[in-house]
Amino acid sequence: MNILLTGFMCAGKTTIGRKLAKLLEYSFIDTDTEIEEDQGCSVTDIFKYGGEECFRDMETRQLEKLKSAENSVIATGGGIILRMQNQRMLQKIGKRVYLKVPRAELLKRVKNDL
């Protein structure tokens, strides 16, 4: 079984995902990191030079690759659920967990992340 972490950017998907994977003795996968490794540049640069649509296409392709994943905790990008196609794939890949963080805390984290 796979566990997919969803939520806004800076919700803690990667941090919690790593800890949960270690606790469960599962593999940990971060879709943003996988995309960065495939492309050889940061998500920020992909948005800057390719645009959001380009990045969303990459997210969809990344989900296709994860269809065969097993016993993994997967931290997804904050916007991965924007496409209905991705939502359907997420349902097939594993159990989704939405990390809800209060708005004020998210704003603080995003400011610190910039």
PDB file of N, CA and C in Angstrom:
ATOM      1  N   MET A   1       0.835  -1.179   0.000  1.00  0.00           N
ATOM      2  CA  MET A   1       0.000   0.000   0.000  1.00  0.00           C
ATOM      3  C   MET A   1       0.883   1.248   0.000  1.00  0.00           C
ATOM      4  N   ASN A   2       0.469   2.252  -0.747  1.00  0.00           N
ATOM      5  CA  ASN A   2       1.157   3.539  -0.776  1.00  0.00           C
ATOM      6  C   ASN A   2       0.334   4.576  -0.032  1.00  0.00           C
ATOM      7  N   ILE A   3       1.025   5.549   0.541  1.00  0.00           N
ATOM      8  CA  ILE A   3       0.385   6.683   1.200  1.00  0.00           C
ATOM      9  C   ILE A   3       0.820   7.929   0.451  1.00  0.00           C
ATOM     10  N   LEU A   4      -0.150   8.698  -0.033  1.00  0.00           N
ATOM     11  CA  LEU A   4       0.131   9.916  -0.787  1.00  0.00           C
ATOM     12  C   LEU A   4      -0.222  11.127   0.055  1.00  0.00           C
ATOM     13  N   LEU A   5       0.744  11.990   0.271  1.00  0.00           N
ATOM     14  CA  LEU A   5       0.520  13.201   1.051  1.00  0.00           C
ATOM     15  C   LEU A   5       0.234  14.357   0.108  1.00  0.00           C
ATOM     16  N   THR A   6      -0.903  15.014   0.330  1.00  0.00           N
ATOM     17  CA  THR A   6      -1.279  16.172  -0.469  1.00  0.00           C
ATOM     18  C   THR A   6      -1.503  17.354   0.464  1.00  0.00           C
ATOM     19  N   GLY A   7      -1.523  18.541  -0.106  1.00  0.00           N
ATOM     20  CA  GLY A   7      -1.739  19.755   0.669  1.00  0.00           C
ATOM     21  C   GLY A   7      -1.038  20.921  -0.005  1.00  0.00           C
ATOM     22  N   PHE A   8      -1.263  22.108   0.536  1.00  0.00           N
ATOM     23  CA  PHE A   8      -0.638  23.306  -0.008  1.00  0.00           C
ATOM     24  C   PHE A   8       0.881  23.236   0.107  1.00  0.00           C
ATOM     25  N   MET A   9       1.562  24.061  -0.691  1.00  0.00           N
ATOM     26  CA  MET A   9       3.009  24.157  -0.555  1.00  0.00           C
ATOM     27  C   MET A   9       3.327  24.590   0.877  1.00  0.00           C
ATOM     28  N   CYS A  10       4.405  24.073   1.408  1.00  0.00           N
ATOM     29  CA  CYS A  10       4.865  24.364   2.771  1.00  0.00           C
ATOM     30  C   CYS A  10       3.955  23.779   3.849  1.00  0.00           C
ATOM     31  N   ALA A  11       3.127  22.806   3.481  1.00  0.00           N
ATOM     32  CA  ALA A  11       2.260  22.156   4.473  1.00  0.00           C
ATOM     33  C   ALA A  11       3.024  21.127   5.294  1.00  0.00           C
ATOM     34  N   GLY A  12       4.219  20.751   4.834  1.00  0.00           N
ATOM     35  CA  GLY A  12       5.022  19.778   5.565  1.00  0.00           C
ATOM     36  C   GLY A  12       4.999  18.386   4.960  1.00  0.00           C
ATOM     37  N   LYS A  13       4.589  18.279   3.704  1.00  0.00           N
ATOM     38  CA  LYS A  13       4.467  16.967   3.061  1.00  0.00           C
ATOM     39  C   LYS A  13       5.798  16.228   3.020  1.00  0.00           C
ATOM     40  N   THR A  14       6.855  16.913   2.665  1.00  0.00           N
ATOM     41  CA  THR A  14       8.164  16.273   2.579  1.00  0.00           C
ATOM     42  C   THR A  14       8.689  15.910   3.961  1.00  0.00           C
ATOM     43  N   THR A  15       8.609  16.828   4.895  1.00  0.00           N
ATOM     44  CA  THR A  15       9.108  16.585   6.256  1.00  0.00           C
ATOM     45  C   THR A  15       8.364  15.427   6.909  1.00  0.00           C
ATOM     46  N   ILE A  16       7.052  15.480   6.877  1.00  0.00           N
ATOM     47  CA  ILE A  16       6.242  14.421   7.483  1.00  0.00           C
ATOM     48  C   ILE A  16       6.408  13.116   6.708  1.00  0.00           C
ATOM     49  N   GLY A  17       6.476  13.221   5.391  1.00  0.00           N
ATOM     50  CA  GLY A  17       6.635  12.034   4.558  1.00  0.00           C
ATOM     51  C   GLY A  17       7.892  11.254   4.871  1.00  0.00           C
ATOM     52  N   ARG A  18       9.001  11.948   5.031  1.00  0.00           N
ATOM     53  CA  ARG A  18      10.261  11.266   5.370  1.00  0.00           C
ATOM     54  C   ARG A  18      10.150  10.537   6.705  1.00  0.00           C
ATOM     55  N   LYS A  19       9.574  11.220   7.688  1.00  0.00           N
ATOM     56  CA  LYS A  19       9.434  10.616   9.018  1.00  0.00           C
ATOM     57  C   LYS A  19       8.487   9.420   8.992  1.00  0.00           C
ATOM     58  N   LEU A  20       7.381   9.553   8.289  1.00  0.00           N
ATOM     59  CA  LEU A  20       6.412   8.467   8.200  1.00  0.00           C
ATOM     60  C   LEU A  20       7.002   7.259   7.477  1.00  0.00           C
ATOM     61  N   ALA A  21       7.716   7.507   6.392  1.00  0.00           N
ATOM     62  CA  ALA A  21       8.345   6.416   5.644  1.00  0.00           C
ATOM     63  C   ALA A  21       9.340   5.665   6.522  1.00  0.00           C
ATOM     64  N   LYS A  22      10.110   6.395   7.283  1.00  0.00           N
ATOM     65  CA  LYS A  22      11.079   5.755   8.177  1.00  0.00           C
ATOM     66  C   LYS A  22      10.357   4.910   9.225  1.00  0.00           C
ATOM     67  N   LEU A  23       9.317   5.455   9.810  1.00  0.00           N
ATOM     68  CA  LEU A  23       8.545   4.754  10.835  1.00  0.00           C
ATOM     69  C   LEU A  23       7.919   3.470  10.287  1.00  0.00           C
ATOM     70  N   LEU A  24       7.383   3.534   9.080  1.00  0.00           N
ATOM     71  CA  LEU A  24       6.719   2.382   8.463  1.00  0.00           C
ATOM     72  C   LEU A  24       7.678   1.450   7.735  1.00  0.00           C
ATOM     73  N   GLU A  25       8.932   1.879   7.609  1.00  0.00           N
ATOM     74  CA  GLU A  25       9.938   1.162   6.823  1.00  0.00           C
ATOM     75  C   GLU A  25       9.496   1.059   5.359  1.00  0.00           C
ATOM     76  N   TYR A  26       8.991   2.181   4.842  1.00  0.00           N
ATOM     77  CA  TYR A  26       8.573   2.322   3.451  1.00  0.00           C
ATOM     78  C   TYR A  26       9.613   3.152   2.712  1.00  0.00           C
ATOM     79  N   SER A  27       9.551   3.111   1.411  1.00  0.00           N
ATOM     80  CA  SER A  27      10.351   4.019   0.592  1.00  0.00           C
ATOM     81  C   SER A  27       9.711   5.402   0.664  1.00  0.00           C
ATOM     82  N   PHE A  28      10.533   6.434   0.466  1.00  0.00           N
ATOM     83  CA  PHE A  28      10.006   7.793   0.411  1.00  0.00           C
ATOM     84  C   PHE A  28      10.257   8.363  -0.973  1.00  0.00           C
ATOM     85  N   ILE A  29       9.221   8.952  -1.548  1.00  0.00           N
ATOM     86  CA  ILE A  29       9.314   9.574  -2.869  1.00  0.00           C
ATOM     87  C   ILE A  29       8.716  10.970  -2.783  1.00  0.00           C
ATOM     88  N   ASP A  30       9.438  11.953  -3.287  1.00  0.00           N
ATOM     89  CA  ASP A  30       8.933  13.325  -3.369  1.00  0.00           C
ATOM     90  C   ASP A  30       8.805  13.652  -4.854  1.00  0.00           C
ATOM     91  N   THR A  31       7.594  13.900  -5.318  1.00  0.00           N
ATOM     92  CA  THR A  31       7.405  14.109  -6.760  1.00  0.00           C
ATOM     93  C   THR A  31       8.161  15.327  -7.277  1.00  0.00           C
ATOM     94  N   ASP A  32       8.236  16.390  -6.484  1.00  0.00           N
ATOM     95  CA  ASP A  32       8.988  17.575  -6.924  1.00  0.00           C
ATOM     96  C   ASP A  32      10.471  17.248  -7.084  1.00  0.00           C
ATOM     97  N   THR A  33      11.024  16.509  -6.134  1.00  0.00           N
ATOM     98  CA  THR A  33      12.440  16.127  -6.203  1.00  0.00           C
ATOM     99  C   THR A  33      12.695  15.227  -7.406  1.00  0.00           C
ATOM    100  N   GLU A  34      11.784  14.299  -7.652  1.00  0.00           N
ATOM    101  CA  GLU A  34      11.930  13.410  -8.811  1.00  0.00           C
ATOM    102  C   GLU A  34      11.941  14.213 -10.112  1.00  0.00           C
ATOM    103  N   ILE A  35      11.060  15.186 -10.208  1.00  0.00           N
ATOM    104  CA  ILE A  35      11.005  16.037 -11.405  1.00  0.00           C
ATOM    105  C   ILE A  35      12.297  16.838 -11.536  1.00  0.00           C
ATOM    106  N   GLU A  36      12.770  17.405 -10.441  1.00  0.00           N
ATOM    107  CA  GLU A  36      14.025  18.175 -10.480  1.00  0.00           C
ATOM    108  C   GLU A  36      15.185  17.306 -10.944  1.00  0.00           C
ATOM    109  N   GLU A  37      15.256  16.075 -10.451  1.00  0.00           N
ATOM    110  CA  GLU A  37      16.338  15.175 -10.862  1.00  0.00           C
ATOM    111  C   GLU A  37      16.220  14.812 -12.338  1.00  0.00           C
ATOM    112  N   ASP A  38      14.995  14.555 -12.792  1.00  0.00           N
ATOM    113  CA  ASP A  38      14.785  14.232 -14.212  1.00  0.00           C
ATOM    114  C   ASP A  38      15.167  15.393 -15.122  1.00  0.00           C
ATOM    115  N   GLN A  39      14.849  16.620 -14.701  1.00  0.00           N
ATOM    116  CA  GLN A  39      15.049  17.806 -15.542  1.00  0.00           C
ATOM    117  C   GLN A  39      16.405  18.474 -15.347  1.00  0.00           C
ATOM    118  N   GLY A  40      17.058  18.187 -14.237  1.00  0.00           N
ATOM    119  CA  GLY A  40      18.352  18.808 -13.966  1.00  0.00           C
ATOM    120  C   GLY A  40      18.254  20.267 -13.565  1.00  0.00           C
ATOM    121  N   CYS A  41      17.094  20.676 -13.073  1.00  0.00           N
ATOM    122  CA  CYS A  41      16.916  22.047 -12.591  1.00  0.00           C
ATOM    123  C   CYS A  41      15.796  22.078 -11.554  1.00  0.00           C
ATOM    124  N   SER A  42      15.664  23.205 -10.884  1.00  0.00           N
ATOM    125  CA  SER A  42      14.696  23.336  -9.796  1.00  0.00           C
ATOM    126  C   SER A  42      13.271  23.542 -10.316  1.00  0.00           C
ATOM    127  N   VAL A  43      12.303  23.266  -9.454  1.00  0.00           N
ATOM    128  CA  VAL A  43      10.901  23.535  -9.781  1.00  0.00           C
ATOM    129  C   VAL A  43      10.728  25.018 -10.094  1.00  0.00           C
ATOM    130  N   THR A  44      11.402  25.866  -9.332  1.00  0.00           N
ATOM    131  CA  THR A  44      11.333  27.314  -9.563  1.00  0.00           C
ATOM    132  C   THR A  44      11.764  27.655 -10.984  1.00  0.00           C
ATOM    133  N   ASP A  45      12.867  27.058 -11.442  1.00  0.00           N
ATOM    134  CA  ASP A  45      13.343  27.316 -12.805  1.00  0.00           C
ATOM    135  C   ASP A  45      12.385  26.761 -13.860  1.00  0.00           C
ATOM    136  N   ILE A  46      11.793  25.609 -13.571  1.00  0.00           N
ATOM    137  CA  ILE A  46      10.827  25.044 -14.524  1.00  0.00           C
ATOM    138  C   ILE A  46       9.655  26.006 -14.696  1.00  0.00           C
ATOM    139  N   PHE A  47       9.145  26.536 -13.580  1.00  0.00           N
ATOM    140  CA  PHE A  47       8.054  27.515 -13.654  1.00  0.00           C
ATOM    141  C   PHE A  47       8.500  28.771 -14.395  1.00  0.00           C
ATOM    142  N   LYS A  48       9.725  29.221 -14.104  1.00  0.00           N
ATOM    143  CA  LYS A  48      10.228  30.464 -14.688  1.00  0.00           C
ATOM    144  C   LYS A  48      10.406  30.351 -16.201  1.00  0.00           C
ATOM    145  N   TYR A  49      10.996  29.249 -16.652  1.00  0.00           N
ATOM    146  CA  TYR A  49      11.346  29.135 -18.064  1.00  0.00           C
ATOM    147  C   TYR A  49      10.342  28.337 -18.894  1.00  0.00           C
ATOM    148  N   GLY A  50       9.622  27.423 -18.260  1.00  0.00           N
ATOM    149  CA  GLY A  50       8.673  26.600 -19.005  1.00  0.00           C
ATOM    150  C   GLY A  50       7.221  26.946 -18.743  1.00  0.00           C
ATOM    151  N   GLY A  51       6.983  27.565 -17.589  1.00  0.00           N
ATOM    152  CA  GLY A  51       5.618  27.920 -17.222  1.00  0.00           C
ATOM    153  C   GLY A  51       4.921  26.833 -16.417  1.00  0.00           C
ATOM    154  N   GLU A  52       3.804  27.222 -15.853  1.00  0.00           N
ATOM    155  CA  GLU A  52       3.071  26.285 -14.992  1.00  0.00           C
ATOM    156  C   GLU A  52       2.557  25.073 -15.760  1.00  0.00           C
ATOM    157  N   GLU A  53       2.045  25.290 -16.954  1.00  0.00           N
ATOM    158  CA  GLU A  53       1.489  24.178 -17.735  1.00  0.00           C
ATOM    159  C   GLU A  53       2.551  23.114 -18.002  1.00  0.00           C
ATOM    160  N   CYS A  54       3.751  23.551 -18.313  1.00  0.00           N
ATOM    161  CA  CYS A  54       4.873  22.637 -18.536  1.00  0.00           C
ATOM    162  C   CYS A  54       5.135  21.809 -17.279  1.00  0.00           C
ATOM    163  N   PHE A  55       5.159  22.480 -16.134  1.00  0.00           N
ATOM    164  CA  PHE A  55       5.409  21.771 -14.882  1.00  0.00           C
ATOM    165  C   PHE A  55       4.281  20.788 -14.575  1.00  0.00           C
ATOM    166  N   ARG A  56       3.040  21.194 -14.789  1.00  0.00           N
ATOM    167  CA  ARG A  56       1.897  20.305 -14.519  1.00  0.00           C
ATOM    168  C   ARG A  56       1.950  19.067 -15.414  1.00  0.00           C
ATOM    169  N   ASP A  57       2.426  19.229 -16.653  1.00  0.00           N
ATOM    170  CA  ASP A  57       2.618  18.072 -17.534  1.00  0.00           C
ATOM    171  C   ASP A  57       3.655  17.120 -16.945  1.00  0.00           C
ATOM    172  N   MET A  58       4.711  17.681 -16.393  1.00  0.00           N
ATOM    173  CA  MET A  58       5.751  16.860 -15.773  1.00  0.00           C
ATOM    174  C   MET A  58       5.204  16.112 -14.558  1.00  0.00           C
ATOM    175  N   GLU A  59       4.356  16.774 -13.775  1.00  0.00           N
ATOM    176  CA  GLU A  59       3.738  16.108 -12.620  1.00  0.00           C
ATOM    177  C   GLU A  59       2.902  14.909 -13.068  1.00  0.00           C
ATOM    178  N   THR A  60       2.145  15.099 -14.135  1.00  0.00           N
ATOM    179  CA  THR A  60       1.309  14.012 -14.648  1.00  0.00           C
ATOM    180  C   THR A  60       2.174  12.844 -15.097  1.00  0.00           C
ATOM    181  N   ARG A  61       3.268  13.136 -15.798  1.00  0.00           N
ATOM    182  CA  ARG A  61       4.179  12.069 -16.228  1.00  0.00           C
ATOM    183  C   ARG A  61       4.812  11.371 -15.021  1.00  0.00           C
ATOM    184  N   GLN A  62       5.111  12.139 -13.985  1.00  0.00           N
ATOM    185  CA  GLN A  62       5.693  11.554 -12.779  1.00  0.00           C
ATOM    186  C   GLN A  62       4.703  10.591 -12.120  1.00  0.00           C
ATOM    187  N   LEU A  63       3.435  10.961 -12.077  1.00  0.00           N
ATOM    188  CA  LEU A  63       2.421  10.067 -11.511  1.00  0.00           C
ATOM    189  C   LEU A  63       2.321   8.773 -12.310  1.00  0.00           C
ATOM    190  N   GLU A  64       2.442   8.873 -13.624  1.00  0.00           N
ATOM    191  CA  GLU A  64       2.424   7.668 -14.467  1.00  0.00           C
ATOM    192  C   GLU A  64       3.516   6.703 -14.023  1.00  0.00           C
ATOM    193  N   LYS A  65       4.686   7.238 -13.719  1.00  0.00           N
ATOM    194  CA  LYS A  65       5.810   6.407 -13.280  1.00  0.00           C
ATOM    195  C   LYS A  65       5.536   5.745 -11.935  1.00  0.00           C
ATOM    196  N   LEU A  66       4.717   6.385 -11.114  1.00  0.00           N
ATOM    197  CA  LEU A  66       4.473   5.886  -9.759  1.00  0.00           C
ATOM    198  C   LEU A  66       3.386   4.823  -9.688  1.00  0.00           C
ATOM    199  N   LYS A  67       2.769   4.501 -10.804  1.00  0.00           N
ATOM    200  CA  LYS A  67       1.707   3.491 -10.804  1.00  0.00           C
ATOM    201  C   LYS A  67       2.193   2.141 -10.282  1.00  0.00           C
ATOM    202  N   SER A  68       3.462   1.856 -10.463  1.00  0.00           N
ATOM    203  CA  SER A  68       3.998   0.563 -10.022  1.00  0.00           C
ATOM    204  C   SER A  68       4.646   0.627  -8.636  1.00  0.00           C
ATOM    205  N   ALA A  69       4.619   1.782  -8.003  1.00  0.00           N
ATOM    206  CA  ALA A  69       5.228   1.918  -6.670  1.00  0.00           C
ATOM    207  C   ALA A  69       4.471   1.068  -5.653  1.00  0.00           C
ATOM    208  N   GLU A  70       5.215   0.529  -4.707  1.00  0.00           N
ATOM    209  CA  GLU A  70       4.621  -0.259  -3.628  1.00  0.00           C
ATOM    210  C   GLU A  70       5.298   0.111  -2.324  1.00  0.00           C
ATOM    211  N   ASN A  71       4.509   0.099  -1.250  1.00  0.00           N
ATOM    212  CA  ASN A  71       5.040   0.383   0.087  1.00  0.00           C
ATOM    213  C   ASN A  71       5.877   1.661   0.101  1.00  0.00           C
ATOM    214  N   SER A  72       5.266   2.722  -0.387  1.00  0.00           N
ATOM    215  CA  SER A  72       5.944   4.013  -0.450  1.00  0.00           C
ATOM    216  C   SER A  72       5.082   5.102   0.172  1.00  0.00           C
ATOM    217  N   VAL A  73       5.757   6.072   0.769  1.00  0.00           N
ATOM    218  CA  VAL A  73       5.119   7.315   1.179  1.00  0.00           C
ATOM    219  C   VAL A  73       5.515   8.323   0.112  1.00  0.00           C
ATOM    220  N   ILE A  74       4.530   8.951  -0.502  1.00  0.00           N
ATOM    221  CA  ILE A  74       4.775   9.842  -1.632  1.00  0.00           C
ATOM    222  C   ILE A  74       4.304  11.248  -1.291  1.00  0.00           C
ATOM    223  N   ALA A  75       5.245  12.187  -1.256  1.00  0.00           N
ATOM    224  CA  ALA A  75       4.922  13.604  -1.048  1.00  0.00           C
ATOM    225  C   ALA A  75       4.697  14.214  -2.421  1.00  0.00           C
ATOM    226  N   THR A  76       3.517  14.771  -2.623  1.00  0.00           N
ATOM    227  CA  THR A  76       3.178  15.334  -3.931  1.00  0.00           C
ATOM    228  C   THR A  76       3.346  16.847  -3.928  1.00  0.00           C
ATOM    229  N   GLY A  77       3.428  17.416  -5.118  1.00  0.00           N
ATOM    230  CA  GLY A  77       3.476  18.864  -5.241  1.00  0.00           C
ATOM    231  C   GLY A  77       2.134  19.466  -4.856  1.00  0.00           C
ATOM    232  N   GLY A  78       2.156  20.693  -4.380  1.00  0.00           N
ATOM    233  CA  GLY A  78       0.948  21.346  -3.897  1.00  0.00           C
ATOM    234  C   GLY A  78      -0.167  21.461  -4.917  1.00  0.00           C
ATOM    235  N   GLY A  79       0.170  21.542  -6.199  1.00  0.00           N
ATOM    236  CA  GLY A  79      -0.846  21.712  -7.229  1.00  0.00           C
ATOM    237  C   GLY A  79      -1.184  20.453  -8.000  1.00  0.00           C
ATOM    238  N   ILE A  80      -0.684  19.326  -7.542  1.00  0.00           N
ATOM    239  CA  ILE A  80      -0.869  18.088  -8.311  1.00  0.00           C
ATOM    240  C   ILE A  80      -2.337  17.709  -8.476  1.00  0.00           C
ATOM    241  N   ILE A  81      -3.173  18.141  -7.546  1.00  0.00           N
ATOM    242  CA  ILE A  81      -4.595  17.779  -7.611  1.00  0.00           C
ATOM    243  C   ILE A  81      -5.401  18.698  -8.526  1.00  0.00           C
ATOM    244  N   LEU A  82      -4.762  19.677  -9.144  1.00  0.00           N
ATOM    245  CA  LEU A  82      -5.476  20.615 -10.006  1.00  0.00           C
ATOM    246  C   LEU A  82      -6.046  19.952 -11.256  1.00  0.00           C
ATOM    247  N   ARG A  83      -5.431  18.874 -11.689  1.00  0.00           N
ATOM    248  CA  ARG A  83      -5.906  18.161 -12.877  1.00  0.00           C
ATOM    249  C   ARG A  83      -6.724  16.940 -12.456  1.00  0.00           C
ATOM    250  N   MET A  84      -7.895  16.810 -13.035  1.00  0.00           N
ATOM    251  CA  MET A  84      -8.762  15.669 -12.739  1.00  0.00           C
ATOM    252  C   MET A  84      -8.054  14.353 -13.062  1.00  0.00           C
ATOM    253  N   GLN A  85      -7.293  14.342 -14.144  1.00  0.00           N
ATOM    254  CA  GLN A  85      -6.532  13.155 -14.536  1.00  0.00           C
ATOM    255  C   GLN A  85      -5.602  12.726 -13.398  1.00  0.00           C
ATOM    256  N   ASN A  86      -4.946  13.692 -12.769  1.00  0.00           N
ATOM    257  CA  ASN A  86      -4.045  13.385 -11.660  1.00  0.00           C
ATOM    258  C   ASN A  86      -4.815  12.859 -10.457  1.00  0.00           C
ATOM    259  N   GLN A  87      -5.974  13.436 -10.192  1.00  0.00           N
ATOM    260  CA  GLN A  87      -6.784  12.973  -9.067  1.00  0.00           C
ATOM    261  C   GLN A  87      -7.162  11.505  -9.242  1.00  0.00           C
ATOM    262  N   ARG A  88      -7.524  11.130 -10.460  1.00  0.00           N
ATOM    263  CA  ARG A  88      -7.872   9.726 -10.724  1.00  0.00           C
ATOM    264  C   ARG A  88      -6.664   8.817 -10.525  1.00  0.00           C
ATOM    265  N   MET A  89      -5.499   9.261 -10.989  1.00  0.00           N
ATOM    266  CA  MET A  89      -4.294   8.449 -10.812  1.00  0.00           C
ATOM    267  C   MET A  89      -3.936   8.310  -9.340  1.00  0.00           C
ATOM    268  N   LEU A  90      -4.054   9.403  -8.592  1.00  0.00           N
ATOM    269  CA  LEU A  90      -3.748   9.354  -7.165  1.00  0.00           C
ATOM    270  C   LEU A  90      -4.611   8.314  -6.465  1.00  0.00           C
ATOM    271  N   GLN A  91      -5.882   8.241  -6.821  1.00  0.00           N
ATOM    272  CA  GLN A  91      -6.783   7.263  -6.211  1.00  0.00           C
ATOM    273  C   GLN A  91      -6.317   5.842  -6.473  1.00  0.00           C
ATOM    274  N   LYS A  92      -5.767   5.605  -7.647  1.00  0.00           N
ATOM    275  CA  LYS A  92      -5.309   4.259  -8.009  1.00  0.00           C
ATOM    276  C   LYS A  92      -3.970   3.915  -7.370  1.00  0.00           C
ATOM    277  N   ILE A  93      -3.150   4.922  -7.133  1.00  0.00           N
ATOM    278  CA  ILE A  93      -1.798   4.681  -6.622  1.00  0.00           C
ATOM    279  C   ILE A  93      -1.800   4.351  -5.138  1.00  0.00           C
ATOM    280  N   GLY A  94      -2.694   4.975  -4.365  1.00  0.00           N
ATOM    281  CA  GLY A  94      -2.686   4.706  -2.925  1.00  0.00           C
ATOM    282  C   GLY A  94      -3.711   5.512  -2.171  1.00  0.00           C
ATOM    283  N   LYS A  95      -3.558   5.513  -0.868  1.00  0.00           N
ATOM    284  CA  LYS A  95      -4.448   6.254   0.029  1.00  0.00           C
ATOM    285  C   LYS A  95      -3.939   7.681   0.161  1.00  0.00           C
ATOM    286  N   ARG A  96      -4.850   8.640  -0.042  1.00  0.00           N
ATOM    287  CA  ARG A  96      -4.463  10.049   0.053  1.00  0.00           C
ATOM    288  C   ARG A  96      -4.687  10.581   1.459  1.00  0.00           C
ATOM    289  N   VAL A  97      -3.729  11.381   1.907  1.00  0.00           N
ATOM    290  CA  VAL A  97      -3.838  12.069   3.191  1.00  0.00           C
ATOM    291  C   VAL A  97      -3.601  13.549   2.915  1.00  0.00           C
ATOM    292  N   TYR A  98      -4.590  14.375   3.246  1.00  0.00           N
ATOM    293  CA  TYR A  98      -4.482  15.816   3.043  1.00  0.00           C
ATOM    294  C   TYR A  98      -3.944  16.448   4.322  1.00  0.00           C
ATOM    295  N   LEU A  99      -2.830  17.143   4.219  1.00  0.00           N
ATOM    296  CA  LEU A  99      -2.245  17.830   5.369  1.00  0.00           C
ATOM    297  C   LEU A  99      -2.815  19.240   5.434  1.00  0.00           C
ATOM    298  N   LYS A 100      -3.627  19.468   6.425  1.00  0.00           N
ATOM    299  CA  LYS A 100      -4.273  20.768   6.585  1.00  0.00           C
ATOM    300  C   LYS A 100      -3.497  21.592   7.604  1.00  0.00           C
ATOM    301  N   VAL A 101      -3.111  22.772   7.184  1.00  0.00           N
ATOM    302  CA  VAL A 101      -2.343  23.685   8.029  1.00  0.00           C
ATOM    303  C   VAL A 101      -3.102  25.010   8.076  1.00  0.00           C
ATOM    304  N   PRO A 102      -3.228  25.616   9.255  1.00  0.00           N
ATOM    305  CA  PRO A 102      -3.920  26.906   9.344  1.00  0.00           C
ATOM    306  C   PRO A 102      -3.290  27.944   8.404  1.00  0.00           C
ATOM    307  N   ARG A 103      -4.135  28.781   7.834  1.00  0.00           N
ATOM    308  CA  ARG A 103      -3.702  29.779   6.848  1.00  0.00           C
ATOM    309  C   ARG A 103      -2.548  30.648   7.361  1.00  0.00           C
ATOM    310  N   ALA A 104      -2.648  31.133   8.596  1.00  0.00           N
ATOM    311  CA  ALA A 104      -1.600  32.008   9.140  1.00  0.00           C
ATOM    312  C   ALA A 104      -0.255  31.280   9.186  1.00  0.00           C
ATOM    313  N   GLU A 105      -0.282  30.018   9.546  1.00  0.00           N
ATOM    314  CA  GLU A 105       0.957  29.231   9.595  1.00  0.00           C
ATOM    315  C   GLU A 105       1.520  29.018   8.192  1.00  0.00           C
ATOM    316  N   LEU A 106       0.649  28.734   7.230  1.00  0.00           N
ATOM    317  CA  LEU A 106       1.104  28.572   5.845  1.00  0.00           C
ATOM    318  C   LEU A 106       1.763  29.841   5.330  1.00  0.00           C
ATOM    319  N   LEU A 107       1.149  30.985   5.586  1.00  0.00           N
ATOM    320  CA  LEU A 107       1.723  32.260   5.144  1.00  0.00           C
ATOM    321  C   LEU A 107       3.107  32.470   5.740  1.00  0.00           C
ATOM    322  N   LYS A 108       3.252  32.152   7.007  1.00  0.00           N
ATOM    323  CA  LYS A 108       4.548  32.290   7.668  1.00  0.00           C
ATOM    324  C   LYS A 108       5.586  31.369   7.022  1.00  0.00           C
ATOM    325  N   ARG A 109       5.193  30.135   6.763  1.00  0.00           N
ATOM    326  CA  ARG A 109       6.119  29.172   6.159  1.00  0.00           C
ATOM    327  C   ARG A 109       6.506  29.573   4.744  1.00  0.00           C
ATOM    328  N   VAL A 110       5.532  30.029   3.967  1.00  0.00           N
ATOM    329  CA  VAL A 110       5.820  30.433   2.585  1.00  0.00           C
ATOM    330  C   VAL A 110       6.784  31.617   2.573  1.00  0.00           C
ATOM    331  N   LYS A 111       6.565  32.595   3.450  1.00  0.00           N
ATOM    332  CA  LYS A 111       7.480  33.747   3.536  1.00  0.00           C
ATOM    333  C   LYS A 111       8.890  33.294   3.870  1.00  0.00           C
ATOM    334  N   ASN A 112       9.013  32.352   4.787  1.00  0.00           N
ATOM    335  CA  ASN A 112      10.328  31.849   5.184  1.00  0.00           C
ATOM    336  C   ASN A 112      10.973  31.016   4.088  1.00  0.00           C
ATOM    337  N   ASP A 113      10.157  30.458   3.200  1.00  0.00           N
ATOM    338  CA  ASP A 113      10.650  29.593   2.135  1.00  0.00           C
ATOM    339  C   ASP A 113      11.145  30.381   0.927  1.00  0.00           C
ATOM    340  N   LEU A 114      10.754  31.644   0.824  1.00  0.00           N
ATOM    341  CA  LEU A 114      11.127  32.453  -0.347  1.00  0.00           C
ATOM    342  C   LEU A 114      12.552  32.924  -0.305  1.00  0.00           C
TER     343      LEU A 114
END
